[in-house]
Amino acid sequence: HKDAPHLDGAYAAFGKVTEGQDVVDAIATVATDAGDRPVEPQMIIEVTVDTFGVDYPEPEKCN
């Protein structure tokens, strides 16, 4: 996928695709508008987070 230097320092991205890389590739190739937003909405229907047995507290919400 192409670099997005305009996002450097503004967003943290982390994670690993363990299956469904073809879906990630398909999302990366959708048509976008002048603002680089997808012309058709892209939705993640399901996500699995493996905490490797560690229980984390509910995150605090910031305003």
PDB file of N, CA and C in Angstrom:
ATOM      1  N   HIS A   1       0.839  -1.177   0.000  1.00  0.00           N
ATOM      2  CA  HIS A   1       0.000   0.000   0.000  1.00  0.00           C
ATOM      3  C   HIS A   1       0.879   1.233   0.000  1.00  0.00           C
ATOM      4  N   LYS A   2       0.367   2.332  -0.504  1.00  0.00           N
ATOM      5  CA  LYS A   2       1.184   3.536  -0.611  1.00  0.00           C
ATOM      6  C   LYS A   2       1.358   4.227   0.734  1.00  0.00           C
ATOM      7  N   ASP A   3       2.473   4.961   0.840  1.00  0.00           N
ATOM      8  CA  ASP A   3       2.748   5.733   2.047  1.00  0.00           C
ATOM      9  C   ASP A   3       1.744   6.870   2.186  1.00  0.00           C
ATOM     10  N   ALA A   4       1.537   7.314   3.414  1.00  0.00           N
ATOM     11  CA  ALA A   4       0.646   8.439   3.708  1.00  0.00           C
ATOM     12  C   ALA A   4       1.376   9.388   4.656  1.00  0.00           C
ATOM     13  N   PRO A   5       2.389  10.098   4.150  1.00  0.00           N
ATOM     14  CA  PRO A   5       3.195  10.955   5.026  1.00  0.00           C
ATOM     15  C   PRO A   5       2.393  12.050   5.716  1.00  0.00           C
ATOM     16  N   HIS A   6       1.240  12.425   5.162  1.00  0.00           N
ATOM     17  CA  HIS A   6       0.413  13.453   5.801  1.00  0.00           C
ATOM     18  C   HIS A   6      -0.181  12.961   7.120  1.00  0.00           C
ATOM     19  N   LEU A   7      -0.111  11.667   7.379  1.00  0.00           N
ATOM     20  CA  LEU A   7      -0.610  11.115   8.639  1.00  0.00           C
ATOM     21  C   LEU A   7       0.497  10.931   9.678  1.00  0.00           C
ATOM     22  N   ASP A   8       1.757  11.073   9.270  1.00  0.00           N
ATOM     23  CA  ASP A   8       2.880  10.872  10.186  1.00  0.00           C
ATOM     24  C   ASP A   8       2.784  11.807  11.380  1.00  0.00           C
ATOM     25  N   GLY A   9       2.907  11.246  12.558  1.00  0.00           N
ATOM     26  CA  GLY A   9       2.868  12.033  13.782  1.00  0.00           C
ATOM     27  C   GLY A   9       1.469  12.409  14.232  1.00  0.00           C
ATOM     28  N   ALA A  10       0.457  12.105  13.420  1.00  0.00           N
ATOM     29  CA  ALA A  10      -0.910  12.482  13.762  1.00  0.00           C
ATOM     30  C   ALA A  10      -1.739  11.287  14.243  1.00  0.00           C
ATOM     31  N   TYR A  11      -1.365  10.093  13.813  1.00  0.00           N
ATOM     32  CA  TYR A  11      -2.140   8.899  14.146  1.00  0.00           C
ATOM     33  C   TYR A  11      -1.201   7.753  14.492  1.00  0.00           C
ATOM     34  N   ALA A  12      -1.634   6.907  15.397  1.00  0.00           N
ATOM     35  CA  ALA A  12      -0.896   5.686  15.707  1.00  0.00           C
ATOM     36  C   ALA A  12      -1.595   4.527  15.010  1.00  0.00           C
ATOM     37  N   ALA A  13      -0.840   3.732  14.312  1.00  0.00           N
ATOM     38  CA  ALA A  13      -1.395   2.558  13.655  1.00  0.00           C
ATOM     39  C   ALA A  13      -0.637   1.337  14.151  1.00  0.00           C
ATOM     40  N   PHE A  14      -1.370   0.364  14.595  1.00  0.00           N
ATOM     41  CA  PHE A  14      -0.724  -0.852  15.070  1.00  0.00           C
ATOM     42  C   PHE A  14      -1.674  -2.016  14.877  1.00  0.00           C
ATOM     43  N   GLY A  15      -1.120  -3.180  14.804  1.00  0.00           N
ATOM     44  CA  GLY A  15      -1.927  -4.375  14.637  1.00  0.00           C
ATOM     45  C   GLY A  15      -1.312  -5.282  13.599  1.00  0.00           C
ATOM     46  N   LYS A  16      -1.934  -6.402  13.407  1.00  0.00           N
ATOM     47  CA  LYS A  16      -1.446  -7.384  12.451  1.00  0.00           C
ATOM     48  C   LYS A  16      -2.650  -8.094  11.851  1.00  0.00           C
ATOM     49  N   VAL A  17      -2.681  -8.165  10.552  1.00  0.00           N
ATOM     50  CA  VAL A  17      -3.729  -8.915   9.862  1.00  0.00           C
ATOM     51  C   VAL A  17      -3.307 -10.378   9.871  1.00  0.00           C
ATOM     52  N   THR A  18      -4.088 -11.224  10.512  1.00  0.00           N
ATOM     53  CA  THR A  18      -3.750 -12.645  10.575  1.00  0.00           C
ATOM     54  C   THR A  18      -4.509 -13.464   9.540  1.00  0.00           C
ATOM     55  N   GLU A  19      -5.612 -12.933   9.060  1.00  0.00           N
ATOM     56  CA  GLU A  19      -6.330 -13.541   7.943  1.00  0.00           C
ATOM     57  C   GLU A  19      -7.185 -12.462   7.299  1.00  0.00           C
ATOM     58  N   GLY A  20      -7.428 -12.613   6.019  1.00  0.00           N
ATOM     59  CA  GLY A  20      -8.235 -11.624   5.318  1.00  0.00           C
ATOM     60  C   GLY A  20      -7.428 -10.506   4.683  1.00  0.00           C
ATOM     61  N   GLN A  21      -6.130 -10.744   4.433  1.00  0.00           N
ATOM     62  CA  GLN A  21      -5.310  -9.713   3.793  1.00  0.00           C
ATOM     63  C   GLN A  21      -5.898  -9.322   2.443  1.00  0.00           C
ATOM     64  N   ASP A  22      -6.560 -10.244   1.768  1.00  0.00           N
ATOM     65  CA  ASP A  22      -7.198  -9.925   0.494  1.00  0.00           C
ATOM     66  C   ASP A  22      -8.271  -8.854   0.668  1.00  0.00           C
ATOM     67  N   VAL A  23      -8.954  -8.850   1.802  1.00  0.00           N
ATOM     68  CA  VAL A  23      -9.968  -7.833   2.089  1.00  0.00           C
ATOM     69  C   VAL A  23      -9.294  -6.479   2.307  1.00  0.00           C
ATOM     70  N   VAL A  24      -8.194  -6.470   3.044  1.00  0.00           N
ATOM     71  CA  VAL A  24      -7.436  -5.228   3.253  1.00  0.00           C
ATOM     72  C   VAL A  24      -6.977  -4.676   1.909  1.00  0.00           C
ATOM     73  N   ASP A  25      -6.456  -5.537   1.057  1.00  0.00           N
ATOM     74  CA  ASP A  25      -6.000  -5.110  -0.265  1.00  0.00           C
ATOM     75  C   ASP A  25      -7.151  -4.541  -1.091  1.00  0.00           C
ATOM     76  N   ALA A  26      -8.326  -5.157  -1.011  1.00  0.00           N
ATOM     77  CA  ALA A  26      -9.491  -4.667  -1.759  1.00  0.00           C
ATOM     78  C   ALA A  26      -9.919  -3.293  -1.262  1.00  0.00           C
ATOM     79  N   ILE A  27      -9.914  -3.087   0.052  1.00  0.00           N
ATOM     80  CA  ILE A  27     -10.277  -1.782   0.611  1.00  0.00           C
ATOM     81  C   ILE A  27      -9.282  -0.721   0.154  1.00  0.00           C
ATOM     82  N   ALA A  28      -8.013  -1.092   0.086  1.00  0.00           N
ATOM     83  CA  ALA A  28      -6.972  -0.138  -0.299  1.00  0.00           C
ATOM     84  C   ALA A  28      -7.096   0.314  -1.752  1.00  0.00           C
ATOM     85  N   THR A  29      -7.820  -0.431  -2.562  1.00  0.00           N
ATOM     86  CA  THR A  29      -7.917  -0.087  -3.979  1.00  0.00           C
ATOM     87  C   THR A  29      -9.230   0.583  -4.370  1.00  0.00           C
ATOM     88  N   VAL A  30     -10.112   0.867  -3.404  1.00  0.00           N
ATOM     89  CA  VAL A  30     -11.388   1.493  -3.755  1.00  0.00           C
ATOM     90  C   VAL A  30     -11.169   2.922  -4.251  1.00  0.00           C
ATOM     91  N   ALA A  31     -12.091   3.378  -5.062  1.00  0.00           N
ATOM     92  CA  ALA A  31     -12.021   4.746  -5.585  1.00  0.00           C
ATOM     93  C   ALA A  31     -12.196   5.746  -4.448  1.00  0.00           C
ATOM     94  N   THR A  32     -11.432   6.839  -4.511  1.00  0.00           N
ATOM     95  CA  THR A  32     -11.525   7.892  -3.496  1.00  0.00           C
ATOM     96  C   THR A  32     -11.808   9.233  -4.156  1.00  0.00           C
ATOM     97  N   ASP A  33     -12.334  10.160  -3.350  1.00  0.00           N
ATOM     98  CA  ASP A  33     -12.623  11.498  -3.861  1.00  0.00           C
ATOM     99  C   ASP A  33     -11.387  12.391  -3.722  1.00  0.00           C
ATOM    100  N   ALA A  34     -11.549  13.667  -3.993  1.00  0.00           N
ATOM    101  CA  ALA A  34     -10.431  14.616  -3.935  1.00  0.00           C
ATOM    102  C   ALA A  34      -9.840  14.728  -2.534  1.00  0.00           C
ATOM    103  N   GLY A  35     -10.627  14.413  -1.514  1.00  0.00           N
ATOM    104  CA  GLY A  35     -10.148  14.447  -0.133  1.00  0.00           C
ATOM    105  C   GLY A  35      -9.573  13.114   0.316  1.00  0.00           C
ATOM    106  N   ASP A  36      -9.386  12.182  -0.626  1.00  0.00           N
ATOM    107  CA  ASP A  36      -8.849  10.844  -0.372  1.00  0.00           C
ATOM    108  C   ASP A  36      -9.768  10.003   0.507  1.00  0.00           C
ATOM    109  N   ARG A  37     -11.059  10.296   0.477  1.00  0.00           N
ATOM    110  CA  ARG A  37     -12.048   9.490   1.203  1.00  0.00           C
ATOM    111  C   ARG A  37     -12.720   8.540   0.215  1.00  0.00           C
ATOM    112  N   PRO A  38     -13.023   7.321   0.647  1.00  0.00           N
ATOM    113  CA  PRO A  38     -13.678   6.376  -0.261  1.00  0.00           C
ATOM    114  C   PRO A  38     -15.002   6.934  -0.790  1.00  0.00           C
ATOM    115  N   VAL A  39     -15.234   6.755  -2.080  1.00  0.00           N
ATOM    116  CA  VAL A  39     -16.486   7.190  -2.699  1.00  0.00           C
ATOM    117  C   VAL A  39     -17.639   6.363  -2.132  1.00  0.00           C
ATOM    118  N   GLU A  40     -17.426   5.070  -1.962  1.00  0.00           N
ATOM    119  CA  GLU A  40     -18.400   4.173  -1.335  1.00  0.00           C
ATOM    120  C   GLU A  40     -17.920   3.882   0.084  1.00  0.00           C
ATOM    121  N   PRO A  41     -18.801   3.965   1.091  1.00  0.00           N
ATOM    122  CA  PRO A  41     -18.381   3.703   2.475  1.00  0.00           C
ATOM    123  C   PRO A  41     -17.770   2.305   2.634  1.00  0.00           C
ATOM    124  N   GLN A  42     -16.710   2.222   3.395  1.00  0.00           N
ATOM    125  CA  GLN A  42     -16.059   0.951   3.710  1.00  0.00           C
ATOM    126  C   GLN A  42     -16.326   0.658   5.180  1.00  0.00           C
ATOM    127  N   MET A  43     -16.784  -0.544   5.483  1.00  0.00           N
ATOM    128  CA  MET A  43     -17.160  -0.870   6.860  1.00  0.00           C
ATOM    129  C   MET A  43     -16.444  -2.127   7.339  1.00  0.00           C
ATOM    130  N   ILE A  44     -15.971  -2.078   8.575  1.00  0.00           N
ATOM    131  CA  ILE A  44     -15.433  -3.262   9.232  1.00  0.00           C
ATOM    132  C   ILE A  44     -16.589  -3.876  10.007  1.00  0.00           C
ATOM    133  N   ILE A  45     -16.932  -5.100   9.679  1.00  0.00           N
ATOM    134  CA  ILE A  45     -18.079  -5.766  10.289  1.00  0.00           C
ATOM    135  C   ILE A  45     -17.675  -6.502  11.565  1.00  0.00           C
ATOM    136  N   GLU A  46     -16.484  -7.066  11.589  1.00  0.00           N
ATOM    137  CA  GLU A  46     -16.063  -7.848  12.753  1.00  0.00           C
ATOM    138  C   GLU A  46     -14.563  -7.697  12.965  1.00  0.00           C
ATOM    139  N   VAL A  47     -14.166  -7.578  14.226  1.00  0.00           N
ATOM    140  CA  VAL A  47     -12.757  -7.492  14.609  1.00  0.00           C
ATOM    141  C   VAL A  47     -12.546  -8.402  15.810  1.00  0.00           C
ATOM    142  N   THR A  48     -11.440  -9.102  15.814  1.00  0.00           N
ATOM    143  CA  THR A  48     -11.067  -9.913  16.966  1.00  0.00           C
ATOM    144  C   THR A  48      -9.777  -9.361  17.538  1.00  0.00           C
ATOM    145  N   VAL A  49      -9.769  -9.100  18.837  1.00  0.00           N
ATOM    146  CA  VAL A  49      -8.571  -8.610  19.521  1.00  0.00           C
ATOM    147  C   VAL A  49      -8.099  -9.708  20.457  1.00  0.00           C
ATOM    148  N   ASP A  50      -6.882 -10.195  20.219  1.00  0.00           N
ATOM    149  CA  ASP A  50      -6.311 -11.233  21.079  1.00  0.00           C
ATOM    150  C   ASP A  50      -5.438 -10.555  22.121  1.00  0.00           C
ATOM    151  N   THR A  51      -5.841 -10.619  23.374  1.00  0.00           N
ATOM    152  CA  THR A  51      -5.074  -9.987  24.459  1.00  0.00           C
ATOM    153  C   THR A  51      -4.086 -10.966  25.081  1.00  0.00           C
ATOM    154  N   PHE A  52      -4.000 -12.166  24.524  1.00  0.00           N
ATOM    155  CA  PHE A  52      -3.066 -13.183  25.007  1.00  0.00           C
ATOM    156  C   PHE A  52      -3.239 -13.440  26.497  1.00  0.00           C
ATOM    157  N   GLY A  53      -4.508 -13.480  26.960  1.00  0.00           N
ATOM    158  CA  GLY A  53      -4.825 -13.815  28.331  1.00  0.00           C
ATOM    159  C   GLY A  53      -4.775 -12.671  29.322  1.00  0.00           C
ATOM    160  N   VAL A  54      -4.433 -11.467  28.876  1.00  0.00           N
ATOM    161  CA  VAL A  54      -4.363 -10.313  29.776  1.00  0.00           C
ATOM    162  C   VAL A  54      -5.711  -9.607  29.775  1.00  0.00           C
ATOM    163  N   ASP A  55      -6.245  -9.326  30.962  1.00  0.00           N
ATOM    164  CA  ASP A  55      -7.491  -8.568  31.081  1.00  0.00           C
ATOM    165  C   ASP A  55      -7.160  -7.094  31.260  1.00  0.00           C
ATOM    166  N   TYR A  56      -7.701  -6.259  30.406  1.00  0.00           N
ATOM    167  CA  TYR A  56      -7.457  -4.820  30.472  1.00  0.00           C
ATOM    168  C   TYR A  56      -8.703  -4.108  30.975  1.00  0.00           C
ATOM    169  N   PRO A  57      -8.538  -3.034  31.768  1.00  0.00           N
ATOM    170  CA  PRO A  57      -9.706  -2.286  32.235  1.00  0.00           C
ATOM    171  C   PRO A  57     -10.339  -1.506  31.084  1.00  0.00           C
ATOM    172  N   GLU A  58     -11.586  -1.115  31.291  1.00  0.00           N
ATOM    173  CA  GLU A  58     -12.274  -0.266  30.313  1.00  0.00           C
ATOM    174  C   GLU A  58     -11.486   1.033  30.175  1.00  0.00           C
ATOM    175  N   PRO A  59     -11.207   1.487  28.956  1.00  0.00           N
ATOM    176  CA  PRO A  59     -10.452   2.739  28.802  1.00  0.00           C
ATOM    177  C   PRO A  59     -11.246   3.943  29.301  1.00  0.00           C
ATOM    178  N   GLU A  60     -10.527   4.939  29.789  1.00  0.00           N
ATOM    179  CA  GLU A  60     -11.166   6.182  30.216  1.00  0.00           C
ATOM    180  C   GLU A  60     -11.446   7.028  28.996  1.00  0.00           C
ATOM    181  N   LYS A  61     -12.613   7.671  28.988  1.00  0.00           N
ATOM    182  CA  LYS A  61     -12.976   8.535  27.869  1.00  0.00           C
ATOM    183  C   LYS A  61     -12.512   9.952  28.162  1.00  0.00           C
ATOM    184  N   CYS A  62     -11.883  10.556  27.174  1.00  0.00           N
ATOM    185  CA  CYS A  62     -11.396  11.936  27.304  1.00  0.00           C
ATOM    186  C   CYS A  62     -12.285  12.861  26.488  1.00  0.00           C
ATOM    187  N   ASN A  63     -12.412  14.078  26.922  1.00  0.00           N
ATOM    188  CA  ASN A  63     -13.189  15.063  26.155  1.00  0.00           C
ATOM    189  C   ASN A  63     -12.274  15.912  25.342  1.00  0.00           C
TER     190      ASN A  63
END
